[in-house]
C-alpha atoms as a PDB file:
ATOM      1  CA  UNK A   1       0.000   0.000   0.000  1.00  0.00           C
ATOM      2  CA  UNK A   2       1.281   3.479  -0.786  1.00  0.00           C
ATOM      3  CA  UNK A   3       1.591   6.303   1.711  1.00  0.00           C
ATOM      4  CA  UNK A   4       0.914   9.972   0.959  1.00  0.00           C
ATOM      5  CA  UNK A   5       2.810  12.509   3.069  1.00  0.00           C
ATOM      6  CA  UNK A   6       1.651  16.118   2.881  1.00  0.00           C
ATOM      7  CA  UNK A   7       4.618  18.520   2.915  1.00  0.00           C
ATOM      8  CA  UNK A   8       2.598  21.680   2.255  1.00  0.00           C
ATOM      9  CA  UNK A   9       1.853  24.191   5.042  1.00  0.00           C
ATOM     10  CA  UNK A  10      -1.874  23.370   5.012  1.00  0.00           C
ATOM     11  CA  UNK A  11      -4.198  20.390   4.839  1.00  0.00           C
ATOM     12  CA  UNK A  12      -4.859  19.015   1.352  1.00  0.00           C
ATOM     13  CA  UNK A  13      -8.352  17.674   0.653  1.00  0.00           C
ATOM     14  CA  UNK A  14      -8.804  15.006  -2.018  1.00  0.00           C
ATOM     15  CA  UNK A  15     -12.396  14.398  -3.118  1.00  0.00           C
ATOM     16  CA  UNK A  16     -12.863  10.965  -4.656  1.00  0.00           C
ATOM     17  CA  UNK A  17     -15.297   9.944  -7.414  1.00  0.00           C
ATOM     18  CA  UNK A  18     -18.013   9.269  -4.822  1.00  0.00           C
ATOM     19  CA  UNK A  19     -17.648  12.764  -3.359  1.00  0.00           C
ATOM     20  CA  UNK A  20     -15.942  11.531  -0.189  1.00  0.00           C
ATOM     21  CA  UNK A  21     -13.373  13.934   1.274  1.00  0.00           C
ATOM     22  CA  UNK A  22      -9.974  12.561   2.292  1.00  0.00           C
ATOM     23  CA  UNK A  23      -7.899  15.005   4.329  1.00  0.00           C
ATOM     24  CA  UNK A  24      -4.111  14.861   4.271  1.00  0.00           C
ATOM     25  CA  UNK A  25      -2.854  16.854   7.233  1.00  0.00           C
ATOM     26  CA  UNK A  26       0.387  18.793   6.916  1.00  0.00           C
ATOM     27  CA  UNK A  27       3.337  16.735   8.173  1.00  0.00           C
ATOM     28  CA  UNK A  28       5.903  19.484   7.626  1.00  0.00           C
ATOM     29  CA  UNK A  29       6.819  21.869   4.851  1.00  0.00           C
ATOM     30  CA  UNK A  30       9.141  21.340   1.885  1.00  0.00           C
ATOM     31  CA  UNK A  31      10.037  24.529   0.069  1.00  0.00           C
ATOM     32  CA  UNK A  32      12.493  25.319  -2.673  1.00  0.00           C
ATOM     33  CA  UNK A  33      14.821  28.016  -1.389  1.00  0.00           C
ATOM     34  CA  UNK A  34      14.739  31.076  -3.617  1.00  0.00           C
ATOM     35  CA  UNK A  35      16.749  34.190  -4.086  1.00  0.00           C
ATOM     36  CA  UNK A  36      15.224  37.374  -5.383  1.00  0.00           C
ATOM     37  CA  UNK A  37      16.768  40.166  -7.386  1.00  0.00           C
ATOM     38  CA  UNK A  38      15.120  43.555  -7.800  1.00  0.00           C
ATOM     39  CA  UNK A  39      14.604  44.097 -11.530  1.00  0.00           C
ATOM     40  CA  UNK A  40      12.613  47.327 -11.581  1.00  0.00           C
ATOM     41  CA  UNK A  41      10.220  49.579  -9.735  1.00  0.00           C
ATOM     42  CA  UNK A  42       6.812  50.447 -11.151  1.00  0.00           C
ATOM     43  CA  UNK A  43       5.060  53.694 -10.396  1.00  0.00           C
ATOM     44  CA  UNK A  44       1.345  53.184  -9.785  1.00  0.00           C
ATOM     45  CA  UNK A  45      -1.052  55.646  -8.238  1.00  0.00           C
ATOM     46  CA  UNK A  46       1.836  57.642  -6.819  1.00  0.00           C
ATOM     47  CA  UNK A  47       3.381  54.544  -5.206  1.00  0.00           C
ATOM     48  CA  UNK A  48       6.539  52.712  -6.108  1.00  0.00           C
ATOM     49  CA  UNK A  49       5.993  48.954  -6.413  1.00  0.00           C
ATOM     50  CA  UNK A  50       9.107  46.740  -6.484  1.00  0.00           C
ATOM     51  CA  UNK A  51       9.263  43.909  -9.042  1.00  0.00           C
ATOM     52  CA  UNK A  52      11.617  41.003  -8.394  1.00  0.00           C
ATOM     53  CA  UNK A  53      12.984  38.116 -10.419  1.00  0.00           C
ATOM     54  CA  UNK A  54      12.972  34.892  -8.432  1.00  0.00           C
ATOM     55  CA  UNK A  55      15.522  32.162  -8.858  1.00  0.00           C
ATOM     56  CA  UNK A  56      15.568  28.709  -7.288  1.00  0.00           C
ATOM     57  CA  UNK A  57      18.453  27.556  -5.141  1.00  0.00           C
ATOM     58  CA  UNK A  58      18.141  23.808  -5.706  1.00  0.00           C
ATOM     59  CA  UNK A  59      21.522  23.285  -4.086  1.00  0.00           C
ATOM     60  CA  UNK A  60      20.148  24.588  -0.768  1.00  0.00           C
ATOM     61  CA  UNK A  61      17.021  22.392  -0.718  1.00  0.00           C
ATOM     62  CA  UNK A  62      16.707  19.759   2.003  1.00  0.00           C
ATOM     63  CA  UNK A  63      15.003  17.000   0.041  1.00  0.00           C
ATOM     64  CA  UNK A  64      13.016  14.298   1.821  1.00  0.00           C
ATOM     65  CA  UNK A  65      14.398  10.788   1.470  1.00  0.00           C
ATOM     66  CA  UNK A  66      13.074   8.677  -1.384  1.00  0.00           C
ATOM     67  CA  UNK A  67      11.250   5.715   0.160  1.00  0.00           C
ATOM     68  CA  UNK A  68       9.516   2.914  -1.726  1.00  0.00           C
ATOM     69  CA  UNK A  69       5.739   3.432  -1.933  1.00  0.00           C
ATOM     70  CA  UNK A  70       5.870   6.881  -0.283  1.00  0.00           C
ATOM     71  CA  UNK A  71       4.682   9.890  -2.263  1.00  0.00           C
ATOM     72  CA  UNK A  72       5.113  13.462  -1.070  1.00  0.00           C
ATOM     73  CA  UNK A  73       2.407  16.071  -1.650  1.00  0.00           C
ATOM     74  CA  UNK A  74       4.300  19.289  -2.364  1.00  0.00           C
ATOM     75  CA  UNK A  75       3.518  22.601  -4.025  1.00  0.00           C
ATOM     76  CA  UNK A  76       3.501  22.761  -7.811  1.00  0.00           C
ATOM     77  CA  UNK A  77       6.585  24.981  -7.694  1.00  0.00           C
ATOM     78  CA  UNK A  78       8.473  22.455  -5.570  1.00  0.00           C
ATOM     79  CA  UNK A  79       7.430  19.540  -7.803  1.00  0.00           C
ATOM     80  CA  UNK A  80       8.462  21.334 -10.990  1.00  0.00           C
ATOM     81  CA  UNK A  81      11.817  22.329  -9.478  1.00  0.00           C
ATOM     82  CA  UNK A  82      12.755  18.651  -9.140  1.00  0.00           C
ATOM     83  CA  UNK A  83      11.478  16.864 -12.274  1.00  0.00           C
ATOM     84  CA  UNK A  84      13.513  13.764 -11.459  1.00  0.00           C
ATOM     85  CA  UNK A  85      11.562  13.150  -8.272  1.00  0.00           C
ATOM     86  CA  UNK A  86       8.809  10.763  -9.340  1.00  0.00           C
ATOM     87  CA  UNK A  87       7.632  10.653  -5.710  1.00  0.00           C
ATOM     88  CA  UNK A  88       6.575  14.327  -5.745  1.00  0.00           C
ATOM     89  CA  UNK A  89       2.926  15.068  -6.519  1.00  0.00           C
ATOM     90  CA  UNK A  90       0.976  18.296  -6.211  1.00  0.00           C
ATOM     91  CA  UNK A  91      -2.728  19.105  -6.128  1.00  0.00           C
ATOM     92  CA  UNK A  92      -4.132  19.612  -9.634  1.00  0.00           C
ATOM     93  CA  UNK A  93      -5.330  23.190  -9.982  1.00  0.00           C
ATOM     94  CA  UNK A  94      -6.988  23.249 -13.411  1.00  0.00           C
ATOM     95  CA  UNK A  95     -10.621  24.335 -13.215  1.00  0.00           C
ATOM     96  CA  UNK A  96     -11.878  20.821 -13.975  1.00  0.00           C
ATOM     97  CA  UNK A  97      -9.747  19.385 -11.148  1.00  0.00           C
ATOM     98  CA  UNK A  98     -10.855  21.589  -8.257  1.00  0.00           C
ATOM     99  CA  UNK A  99     -14.064  21.481  -6.238  1.00  0.00           C
ATOM    100  CA  UNK A 100     -15.515  24.766  -5.009  1.00  0.00           C
ATOM    101  CA  UNK A 101     -17.913  25.398  -2.167  1.00  0.00           C
ATOM    102  CA  UNK A 102     -21.081  27.467  -2.410  1.00  0.00           C
ATOM    103  CA  UNK A 103     -19.138  30.679  -1.772  1.00  0.00           C
ATOM    104  CA  UNK A 104     -16.639  29.911  -4.543  1.00  0.00           C
ATOM    105  CA  UNK A 105     -13.684  28.947  -2.381  1.00  0.00           C
ATOM    106  CA  UNK A 106     -11.710  25.804  -3.163  1.00  0.00           C
ATOM    107  CA  UNK A 107     -12.677  22.943  -0.837  1.00  0.00           C
ATOM    108  CA  UNK A 108     -10.683  20.153  -2.468  1.00  0.00           C
ATOM    109  CA  UNK A 109      -9.166  18.616  -5.570  1.00  0.00           C
ATOM    110  CA  UNK A 110     -10.144  15.632  -7.688  1.00  0.00           C
ATOM    111  CA  UNK A 111      -6.626  14.675  -8.772  1.00  0.00           C
ATOM    112  CA  UNK A 112      -2.912  15.269  -8.436  1.00  0.00           C
ATOM    113  CA  UNK A 113      -0.134  16.123 -10.889  1.00  0.00           C
ATOM    114  CA  UNK A 114       3.099  14.121 -10.932  1.00  0.00           C
ATOM    115  CA  UNK A 115       6.524  14.158 -12.548  1.00  0.00           C
ATOM    116  CA  UNK A 116       5.796  11.000 -14.515  1.00  0.00           C
ATOM    117  CA  UNK A 117       7.086  10.699 -18.053  1.00  0.00           C
END
């Protein structure tokens, strides 16, 4: 049996085909370290707004161990930063993959995205 470990800072709710909610509680946070460089300042409504370019620092990331039959739920940014990690999945965020509540907020997802070939 596989294990799903949520490494996002919030619970992830998977809603299966029968509409049943499965909640994956956060078990820690995996982030890709970034560095930011100021590229310009925009003037809007009399205010200066800084605009940065972000770069990933893969070499500084503390990756979780790869373990047979364990998949890590991470952010889309984290998953894409490490395409070789087939054990990284992230909640699918396309409109057909998310479930919204009556007030329009996202209450869960119907699928995940992986780094599979």
